[in-house]
């Protein structure tokens, strides 16, 4: 089945299945970026 929402995945938007995915992903990205851009920028 073709995704009817380009750029979005409705499966990941179901909070009962992925209730922490957005928060954890944001923290993981910040943890990965911090050593690469410090000390010039803050994450």
PDB file of N, CA and C in Angstrom:
ATOM      1  N   UNK A   1       0.838  -1.183   0.000  1.00  0.00           N
ATOM      2  CA  UNK A   1       0.000   0.000   0.000  1.00  0.00           C
ATOM      3  C   UNK A   1       0.882   1.244   0.000  1.00  0.00           C
ATOM      4  N   UNK A   2       0.552   2.179  -0.844  1.00  0.00           N
ATOM      5  CA  UNK A   2       1.287   3.432  -0.928  1.00  0.00           C
ATOM      6  C   UNK A   2       0.881   4.334   0.234  1.00  0.00           C
ATOM      7  N   UNK A   3       1.868   4.979   0.857  1.00  0.00           N
ATOM      8  CA  UNK A   3       1.594   5.872   1.968  1.00  0.00           C
ATOM      9  C   UNK A   3       0.817   7.088   1.458  1.00  0.00           C
ATOM     10  N   UNK A   4      -0.385   7.354   1.983  1.00  0.00           N
ATOM     11  CA  UNK A   4      -1.184   8.494   1.523  1.00  0.00           C
ATOM     12  C   UNK A   4      -0.673   9.833   2.061  1.00  0.00           C
ATOM     13  N   UNK A   5       0.290   9.808   2.969  1.00  0.00           N
ATOM     14  CA  UNK A   5       0.825  11.024   3.578  1.00  0.00           C
ATOM     15  C   UNK A   5       2.327  11.105   3.340  1.00  0.00           C
ATOM     16  N   UNK A   6       2.773  11.653   2.214  1.00  0.00           N
ATOM     17  CA  UNK A   6       4.205  11.732   1.947  1.00  0.00           C
ATOM     18  C   UNK A   6       4.949  12.451   3.072  1.00  0.00           C
ATOM     19  N   UNK A   7       6.044  11.866   3.513  1.00  0.00           N
ATOM     20  CA  UNK A   7       6.829  12.461   4.581  1.00  0.00           C
ATOM     21  C   UNK A   7       6.356  12.110   5.970  1.00  0.00           C
ATOM     22  N   UNK A   8       5.254  11.392   6.076  1.00  0.00           N
ATOM     23  CA  UNK A   8       4.722  11.001   7.381  1.00  0.00           C
ATOM     24  C   UNK A   8       4.493   9.501   7.392  1.00  0.00           C
ATOM     25  N   UNK A   9       4.524   8.927   8.558  1.00  0.00           N
ATOM     26  CA  UNK A   9       4.226   7.516   8.715  1.00  0.00           C
ATOM     27  C   UNK A   9       3.121   7.407   9.759  1.00  0.00           C
ATOM     28  N   UNK A  10       1.873   7.190   9.335  1.00  0.00           N
ATOM     29  CA  UNK A  10       0.761   7.127  10.293  1.00  0.00           C
ATOM     30  C   UNK A  10       0.972   6.072  11.379  1.00  0.00           C
ATOM     31  N   UNK A  11       1.720   5.023  11.086  1.00  0.00           N
ATOM     32  CA  UNK A  11       1.983   3.992  12.089  1.00  0.00           C
ATOM     33  C   UNK A  11       2.747   4.590  13.270  1.00  0.00           C
ATOM     34  N   UNK A  12       3.727   5.454  12.994  1.00  0.00           N
ATOM     35  CA  UNK A  12       4.504   6.063  14.071  1.00  0.00           C
ATOM     36  C   UNK A  12       3.727   7.132  14.822  1.00  0.00           C
ATOM     37  N   UNK A  13       2.618   7.575  14.279  1.00  0.00           N
ATOM     38  CA  UNK A  13       1.830   8.613  14.923  1.00  0.00           C
ATOM     39  C   UNK A  13       0.797   8.044  15.895  1.00  0.00           C
ATOM     40  N   UNK A  14       0.710   6.742  16.017  1.00  0.00           N
ATOM     41  CA  UNK A  14      -0.260   6.132  16.924  1.00  0.00           C
ATOM     42  C   UNK A  14       0.314   6.111  18.338  1.00  0.00           C
ATOM     43  N   UNK A  15      -0.162   6.986  19.221  1.00  0.00           N
ATOM     44  CA  UNK A  15       0.442   7.103  20.547  1.00  0.00           C
ATOM     45  C   UNK A  15       0.358   5.835  21.395  1.00  0.00           C
ATOM     46  N   UNK A  16      -0.640   5.012  21.161  1.00  0.00           N
ATOM     47  CA  UNK A  16      -0.732   3.790  21.971  1.00  0.00           C
ATOM     48  C   UNK A  16       0.362   2.792  21.613  1.00  0.00           C
ATOM     49  N   UNK A  17       0.934   2.900  20.418  1.00  0.00           N
ATOM     50  CA  UNK A  17       2.024   2.014  20.015  1.00  0.00           C
ATOM     51  C   UNK A  17       3.398   2.646  20.239  1.00  0.00           C
ATOM     52  N   UNK A  18       3.497   3.945  20.048  1.00  0.00           N
ATOM     53  CA  UNK A  18       4.792   4.634  20.071  1.00  0.00           C
ATOM     54  C   UNK A  18       4.725   5.853  21.002  1.00  0.00           C
ATOM     55  N   UNK A  19       4.320   5.652  22.237  1.00  0.00           N
ATOM     56  CA  UNK A  19       4.057   6.780  23.125  1.00  0.00           C
ATOM     57  C   UNK A  19       5.298   7.590  23.491  1.00  0.00           C
ATOM     58  N   UNK A  20       6.491   7.051  23.342  1.00  0.00           N
ATOM     59  CA  UNK A  20       7.697   7.786  23.701  1.00  0.00           C
ATOM     60  C   UNK A  20       8.632   8.040  22.519  1.00  0.00           C
ATOM     61  N   UNK A  21       8.268   7.595  21.323  1.00  0.00           N
ATOM     62  CA  UNK A  21       9.213   7.631  20.207  1.00  0.00           C
ATOM     63  C   UNK A  21       9.682   9.050  19.887  1.00  0.00           C
ATOM     64  N   UNK A  22       8.809  10.038  19.883  1.00  0.00           N
ATOM     65  CA  UNK A  22       9.218  11.394  19.518  1.00  0.00           C
ATOM     66  C   UNK A  22      10.159  11.985  20.561  1.00  0.00           C
ATOM     67  N   UNK A  23       9.811  11.863  21.819  1.00  0.00           N
ATOM     68  CA  UNK A  23      10.660  12.408  22.881  1.00  0.00           C
ATOM     69  C   UNK A  23      12.029  11.740  22.898  1.00  0.00           C
ATOM     70  N   UNK A  24      12.052  10.424  22.782  1.00  0.00           N
ATOM     71  CA  UNK A  24      13.325   9.706  22.831  1.00  0.00           C
ATOM     72  C   UNK A  24      14.175   9.993  21.601  1.00  0.00           C
ATOM     73  N   UNK A  25      13.533  10.142  20.451  1.00  0.00           N
ATOM     74  CA  UNK A  25      14.268  10.445  19.225  1.00  0.00           C
ATOM     75  C   UNK A  25      14.905  11.829  19.301  1.00  0.00           C
ATOM     76  N   UNK A  26      14.177  12.801  19.807  1.00  0.00           N
ATOM     77  CA  UNK A  26      14.712  14.157  19.948  1.00  0.00           C
ATOM     78  C   UNK A  26      15.924  14.157  20.877  1.00  0.00           C
ATOM     79  N   UNK A  27      15.837  13.456  21.995  1.00  0.00           N
ATOM     80  CA  UNK A  27      16.957  13.399  22.937  1.00  0.00           C
ATOM     81  C   UNK A  27      18.147  12.674  22.311  1.00  0.00           C
ATOM     82  N   UNK A  28      17.904  11.592  21.590  1.00  0.00           N
ATOM     83  CA  UNK A  28      19.000  10.849  20.955  1.00  0.00           C
ATOM     84  C   UNK A  28      19.706  11.701  19.898  1.00  0.00           C
ATOM     85  N   UNK A  29      18.949  12.456  19.127  1.00  0.00           N
ATOM     86  CA  UNK A  29      19.542  13.337  18.116  1.00  0.00           C
ATOM     87  C   UNK A  29      20.375  14.429  18.797  1.00  0.00           C
ATOM     88  N   UNK A  30      19.838  15.020  19.845  1.00  0.00           N
ATOM     89  CA  UNK A  30      20.579  16.056  20.568  1.00  0.00           C
ATOM     90  C   UNK A  30      21.864  15.491  21.164  1.00  0.00           C
ATOM     91  N   UNK A  31      21.804  14.292  21.737  1.00  0.00           N
ATOM     92  CA  UNK A  31      22.999  13.664  22.304  1.00  0.00           C
ATOM     93  C   UNK A  31      24.052  13.395  21.238  1.00  0.00           C
ATOM     94  N   UNK A  32      23.615  13.054  20.048  1.00  0.00           N
ATOM     95  CA  UNK A  32      24.545  12.776  18.960  1.00  0.00           C
ATOM     96  C   UNK A  32      25.149  14.061  18.391  1.00  0.00           C
ATOM     97  N   UNK A  33      24.369  15.120  18.305  1.00  0.00           N
ATOM     98  CA  UNK A  33      24.836  16.376  17.728  1.00  0.00           C
ATOM     99  C   UNK A  33      25.741  17.182  18.656  1.00  0.00           C
ATOM    100  N   UNK A  34      25.505  17.120  19.939  1.00  0.00           N
ATOM    101  CA  UNK A  34      26.211  17.970  20.892  1.00  0.00           C
ATOM    102  C   UNK A  34      27.732  17.913  20.744  1.00  0.00           C
ATOM    103  N   UNK A  35      28.371  16.746  20.727  1.00  0.00           N
ATOM    104  CA  UNK A  35      29.834  16.746  20.609  1.00  0.00           C
ATOM    105  C   UNK A  35      30.329  17.268  19.253  1.00  0.00           C
ATOM    106  N   UNK A  36      29.492  17.218  18.244  1.00  0.00           N
ATOM    107  CA  UNK A  36      29.907  17.643  16.911  1.00  0.00           C
ATOM    108  C   UNK A  36      29.877  19.163  16.741  1.00  0.00           C
ATOM    109  N   UNK A  37      29.018  19.847  17.499  1.00  0.00           N
ATOM    110  CA  UNK A  37      28.871  21.284  17.288  1.00  0.00           C
ATOM    111  C   UNK A  37      29.330  22.141  18.461  1.00  0.00           C
ATOM    112  N   UNK A  38      29.617  21.517  19.588  1.00  0.00           N
ATOM    113  CA  UNK A  38      30.087  22.270  20.757  1.00  0.00           C
ATOM    114  C   UNK A  38      31.516  22.711  20.519  1.00  0.00           C
ATOM    115  N   UNK A  39      31.985  23.765  21.056  1.00  0.00           N
ATOM    116  CA  UNK A  39      31.335  24.720  21.956  1.00  0.00           C
ATOM    117  C   UNK A  39      30.691  25.896  21.235  1.00  0.00           C
ATOM    118  N   UNK A  40      30.742  25.906  19.913  1.00  0.00           N
ATOM    119  CA  UNK A  40      30.195  27.048  19.179  1.00  0.00           C
ATOM    120  C   UNK A  40      28.681  27.176  19.345  1.00  0.00           C
ATOM    121  N   UNK A  41      27.984  26.052  19.435  1.00  0.00           N
ATOM    122  CA  UNK A  41      26.521  26.061  19.569  1.00  0.00           C
ATOM    123  C   UNK A  41      26.097  25.197  20.740  1.00  0.00           C
ATOM    124  N   UNK A  42      24.876  25.446  21.217  1.00  0.00           N
ATOM    125  CA  UNK A  42      24.288  24.624  22.283  1.00  0.00           C
ATOM    126  C   UNK A  42      23.113  23.872  21.717  1.00  0.00           C
ATOM    127  N   UNK A  43      22.921  22.660  22.172  1.00  0.00           N
ATOM    128  CA  UNK A  43      21.779  21.849  21.755  1.00  0.00           C
ATOM    129  C   UNK A  43      20.843  21.718  22.933  1.00  0.00           C
TER     130      UNK A  43
END
